[in-house]
Amino acid sequence: MMRLVNIMVIATLIAAASVVYKIKFDSTLQAERVAKLRNEIRHERDRIALLRADWSKLDTPSRLEALAQRHLSLQPIQSTQFGTFDRLPPRPPKPPAAADDPIGAMIDSGETTGSIPAAGAR
């Protein structure tokens, strides 16, 4: 009987050791994966910083102005290019509200719906 108990204890210890080893192995793999992902994230952040630096260099106003002068035939704005409001065409007439649009008809007539108090009704 004692021999059977000893064999069961040894088997339990071996099983427990194998479970602990498997957990340690899995945790080591996960730690390696985390380290690899952190390295990739750091690399991507460095690339983003480099791209932002390149963008700020490409987006400088002096560089854009030089490119515009070299490749576009732009002329300075003349004061004669601006018009006045009296030279604008008249507004087109507002079409009447359609018969199938009761809300539009209420808005056009100035009628209140009761959800908002009328001006001066306070």
C-alpha atoms as a PDB file:
ATOM      1  CA  MET A   1       0.000   0.000   0.000  1.00  0.00           C
ATOM      2  CA  MET A   2       2.798   2.382   0.945  1.00  0.00           C
ATOM      3  CA  ARG A   3       4.522   1.592  -2.304  1.00  0.00           C
ATOM      4  CA  LEU A   4       1.380   2.582  -4.261  1.00  0.00           C
ATOM      5  CA  VAL A   5       1.186   5.889  -2.391  1.00  0.00           C
ATOM      6  CA  ASN A   6       4.844   6.590  -3.155  1.00  0.00           C
ATOM      7  CA  ILE A   7       4.310   5.858  -6.861  1.00  0.00           C
ATOM      8  CA  MET A   8       1.257   8.167  -6.924  1.00  0.00           C
ATOM      9  CA  VAL A   9       3.189  10.964  -5.191  1.00  0.00           C
ATOM     10  CA  ILE A  10       6.071  10.614  -7.653  1.00  0.00           C
ATOM     11  CA  ALA A  11       3.648  10.625 -10.608  1.00  0.00           C
ATOM     12  CA  THR A  12       1.930  13.721  -9.218  1.00  0.00           C
ATOM     13  CA  LEU A  13       5.300  15.468  -8.786  1.00  0.00           C
ATOM     14  CA  ILE A  14       6.288  14.593 -12.348  1.00  0.00           C
ATOM     15  CA  ALA A  15       2.951  15.875 -13.660  1.00  0.00           C
ATOM     16  CA  ALA A  16       3.263  19.086 -11.631  1.00  0.00           C
ATOM     17  CA  ALA A  17       6.835  19.596 -12.842  1.00  0.00           C
ATOM     18  CA  SER A  18       5.761  19.136 -16.461  1.00  0.00           C
ATOM     19  CA  VAL A  19       2.897  21.649 -16.017  1.00  0.00           C
ATOM     20  CA  VAL A  20       5.282  24.173 -14.403  1.00  0.00           C
ATOM     21  CA  TYR A  21       7.789  23.635 -17.223  1.00  0.00           C
ATOM     22  CA  LYS A  22       5.072  24.146 -19.858  1.00  0.00           C
ATOM     23  CA  ILE A  23       3.888  27.348 -18.145  1.00  0.00           C
ATOM     24  CA  LYS A  24       7.486  28.613 -17.966  1.00  0.00           C
ATOM     25  CA  PHE A  25       8.073  27.758 -21.630  1.00  0.00           C
ATOM     26  CA  ASP A  26       4.829  29.508 -22.692  1.00  0.00           C
ATOM     27  CA  SER A  27       5.646  32.576 -20.615  1.00  0.00           C
ATOM     28  CA  THR A  28       9.137  32.725 -22.158  1.00  0.00           C
ATOM     29  CA  LEU A  29       7.604  32.591 -25.635  1.00  0.00           C
ATOM     30  CA  GLN A  30       5.126  35.349 -24.723  1.00  0.00           C
ATOM     31  CA  ALA A  31       7.918  37.492 -23.252  1.00  0.00           C
ATOM     32  CA  GLU A  32       9.916  37.105 -26.475  1.00  0.00           C
ATOM     33  CA  ARG A  33       6.818  38.056 -28.481  1.00  0.00           C
ATOM     34  CA  VAL A  34       6.243  41.136 -26.305  1.00  0.00           C
ATOM     35  CA  ALA A  35       9.881  42.176 -26.712  1.00  0.00           C
ATOM     36  CA  LYS A  36       9.630  41.745 -30.483  1.00  0.00           C
ATOM     37  CA  LEU A  37       6.415  43.798 -30.624  1.00  0.00           C
ATOM     38  CA  ARG A  38       7.948  46.548 -28.464  1.00  0.00           C
ATOM     39  CA  ASN A  39      10.922  46.642 -30.813  1.00  0.00           C
ATOM     40  CA  GLU A  40       8.589  46.913 -33.826  1.00  0.00           C
ATOM     41  CA  ILE A  41       6.603  49.685 -32.130  1.00  0.00           C
ATOM     42  CA  ARG A  42       9.794  51.616 -31.358  1.00  0.00           C
ATOM     43  CA  HIS A  43      10.916  51.165 -34.972  1.00  0.00           C
ATOM     44  CA  GLU A  44       7.547  52.402 -36.294  1.00  0.00           C
ATOM     45  CA  ARG A  45       7.640  55.424 -33.951  1.00  0.00           C
ATOM     46  CA  ASP A  46      11.116  56.259 -35.236  1.00  0.00           C
ATOM     47  CA  ARG A  47       9.840  56.008 -38.820  1.00  0.00           C
ATOM     48  CA  ILE A  48       6.859  58.238 -37.976  1.00  0.00           C
ATOM     49  CA  ALA A  49       9.197  60.820 -36.416  1.00  0.00           C
ATOM     50  CA  LEU A  50      11.381  60.725 -39.522  1.00  0.00           C
ATOM     51  CA  LEU A  51       8.374  61.134 -41.816  1.00  0.00           C
ATOM     52  CA  ARG A  52       7.096  64.067 -39.732  1.00  0.00           C
ATOM     53  CA  ALA A  53      10.509  65.714 -39.976  1.00  0.00           C
ATOM     54  CA  ASP A  54      10.501  65.194 -43.754  1.00  0.00           C
ATOM     55  CA  TRP A  55       6.966  66.590 -43.961  1.00  0.00           C
ATOM     56  CA  SER A  56       7.860  69.708 -41.982  1.00  0.00           C
ATOM     57  CA  LYS A  57      10.873  70.235 -44.282  1.00  0.00           C
ATOM     58  CA  LEU A  58       8.725  69.823 -47.399  1.00  0.00           C
ATOM     59  CA  ASP A  59       5.974  72.037 -45.992  1.00  0.00           C
ATOM     60  CA  THR A  60       8.071  75.116 -45.218  1.00  0.00           C
ATOM     61  CA  PRO A  61       6.550  78.279 -46.715  1.00  0.00           C
ATOM     62  CA  SER A  62       9.837  79.467 -48.211  1.00  0.00           C
ATOM     63  CA  ARG A  63      10.288  76.181 -50.094  1.00  0.00           C
ATOM     64  CA  LEU A  64       6.698  76.241 -51.346  1.00  0.00           C
ATOM     65  CA  GLU A  65       7.067  79.865 -52.428  1.00  0.00           C
ATOM     66  CA  ALA A  66      10.222  79.039 -54.395  1.00  0.00           C
ATOM     67  CA  LEU A  67       8.476  76.098 -56.084  1.00  0.00           C
ATOM     68  CA  ALA A  68       5.450  78.236 -56.927  1.00  0.00           C
ATOM     69  CA  GLN A  69       7.633  80.933 -58.472  1.00  0.00           C
ATOM     70  CA  ARG A  70       9.580  78.364 -60.467  1.00  0.00           C
ATOM     71  CA  HIS A  71       6.664  76.264 -61.770  1.00  0.00           C
ATOM     72  CA  LEU A  72       3.585  78.522 -61.751  1.00  0.00           C
ATOM     73  CA  SER A  73       3.021  81.729 -63.632  1.00  0.00           C
ATOM     74  CA  LEU A  74       1.230  83.614 -60.869  1.00  0.00           C
ATOM     75  CA  GLN A  75       0.766  87.361 -60.896  1.00  0.00           C
ATOM     76  CA  PRO A  76       0.244  89.614 -57.871  1.00  0.00           C
ATOM     77  CA  ILE A  77      -3.354  90.572 -57.088  1.00  0.00           C
ATOM     78  CA  GLN A  78      -4.414  93.919 -58.537  1.00  0.00           C
ATOM     79  CA  SER A  79      -6.943  96.138 -56.807  1.00  0.00           C
ATOM     80  CA  THR A  80      -8.970  96.227 -60.022  1.00  0.00           C
ATOM     81  CA  GLN A  81      -9.673  92.512 -59.652  1.00  0.00           C
ATOM     82  CA  PHE A  82     -12.056  93.152 -56.766  1.00  0.00           C
ATOM     83  CA  GLY A  83     -15.648  94.137 -57.491  1.00  0.00           C
ATOM     84  CA  THR A  84     -18.350  95.716 -55.382  1.00  0.00           C
ATOM     85  CA  PHE A  85     -21.621  94.291 -54.132  1.00  0.00           C
ATOM     86  CA  ASP A  86     -23.673  96.466 -56.485  1.00  0.00           C
ATOM     87  CA  ARG A  87     -22.102  94.661 -59.437  1.00  0.00           C
ATOM     88  CA  LEU A  88     -23.408  91.269 -58.286  1.00  0.00           C
ATOM     89  CA  PRO A  89     -26.378  89.843 -60.190  1.00  0.00           C
ATOM     90  CA  PRO A  90     -29.713  89.987 -58.360  1.00  0.00           C
ATOM     91  CA  ARG A  91     -30.778  87.015 -56.288  1.00  0.00           C
ATOM     92  CA  PRO A  92     -33.109  84.603 -58.021  1.00  0.00           C
ATOM     93  CA  PRO A  93     -36.691  84.735 -56.759  1.00  0.00           C
ATOM     94  CA  LYS A  94     -37.476  82.344 -53.938  1.00  0.00           C
ATOM     95  CA  PRO A  95     -39.791  79.567 -55.170  1.00  0.00           C
ATOM     96  CA  PRO A  96     -43.051  79.206 -53.241  1.00  0.00           C
ATOM     97  CA  ALA A  97     -43.351  76.266 -50.863  1.00  0.00           C
ATOM     98  CA  ALA A  98     -44.733  73.199 -52.541  1.00  0.00           C
ATOM     99  CA  ALA A  99     -48.230  72.046 -51.601  1.00  0.00           C
ATOM    100  CA  ASP A 100     -46.856  68.739 -50.372  1.00  0.00           C
ATOM    101  CA  ASP A 101     -44.443  70.493 -47.982  1.00  0.00           C
ATOM    102  CA  PRO A 102     -46.521  71.730 -45.026  1.00  0.00           C
ATOM    103  CA  ILE A 103     -43.463  72.544 -42.902  1.00  0.00           C
ATOM    104  CA  GLY A 104     -41.967  74.666 -45.674  1.00  0.00           C
ATOM    105  CA  ALA A 105     -45.288  76.487 -46.041  1.00  0.00           C
ATOM    106  CA  MET A 106     -45.342  77.235 -42.263  1.00  0.00           C
ATOM    107  CA  ILE A 107     -41.787  78.567 -42.429  1.00  0.00           C
ATOM    108  CA  ASP A 108     -42.604  80.781 -45.417  1.00  0.00           C
ATOM    109  CA  SER A 109     -45.744  82.158 -43.766  1.00  0.00           C
ATOM    110  CA  GLY A 110     -43.961  82.845 -40.463  1.00  0.00           C
ATOM    111  CA  GLU A 111     -46.463  80.639 -38.619  1.00  0.00           C
ATOM    112  CA  THR A 112     -45.163  79.149 -35.343  1.00  0.00           C
ATOM    113  CA  THR A 113     -45.444  75.489 -34.534  1.00  0.00           C
ATOM    114  CA  GLY A 114     -45.705  75.869 -30.787  1.00  0.00           C
ATOM    115  CA  SER A 115     -42.402  74.170 -30.026  1.00  0.00           C
ATOM    116  CA  ILE A 116     -40.556  77.477 -30.016  1.00  0.00           C
ATOM    117  CA  PRO A 117     -42.217  80.549 -28.482  1.00  0.00           C
ATOM    118  CA  ALA A 118     -42.922  83.321 -30.940  1.00  0.00           C
ATOM    119  CA  ALA A 119     -40.817  86.468 -30.689  1.00  0.00           C
ATOM    120  CA  GLY A 120     -42.316  88.814 -28.085  1.00  0.00           C
ATOM    121  CA  ALA A 121     -44.456  86.060 -26.498  1.00  0.00           C
ATOM    122  CA  ARG A 122     -42.247  85.730 -23.430  1.00  0.00           C
END
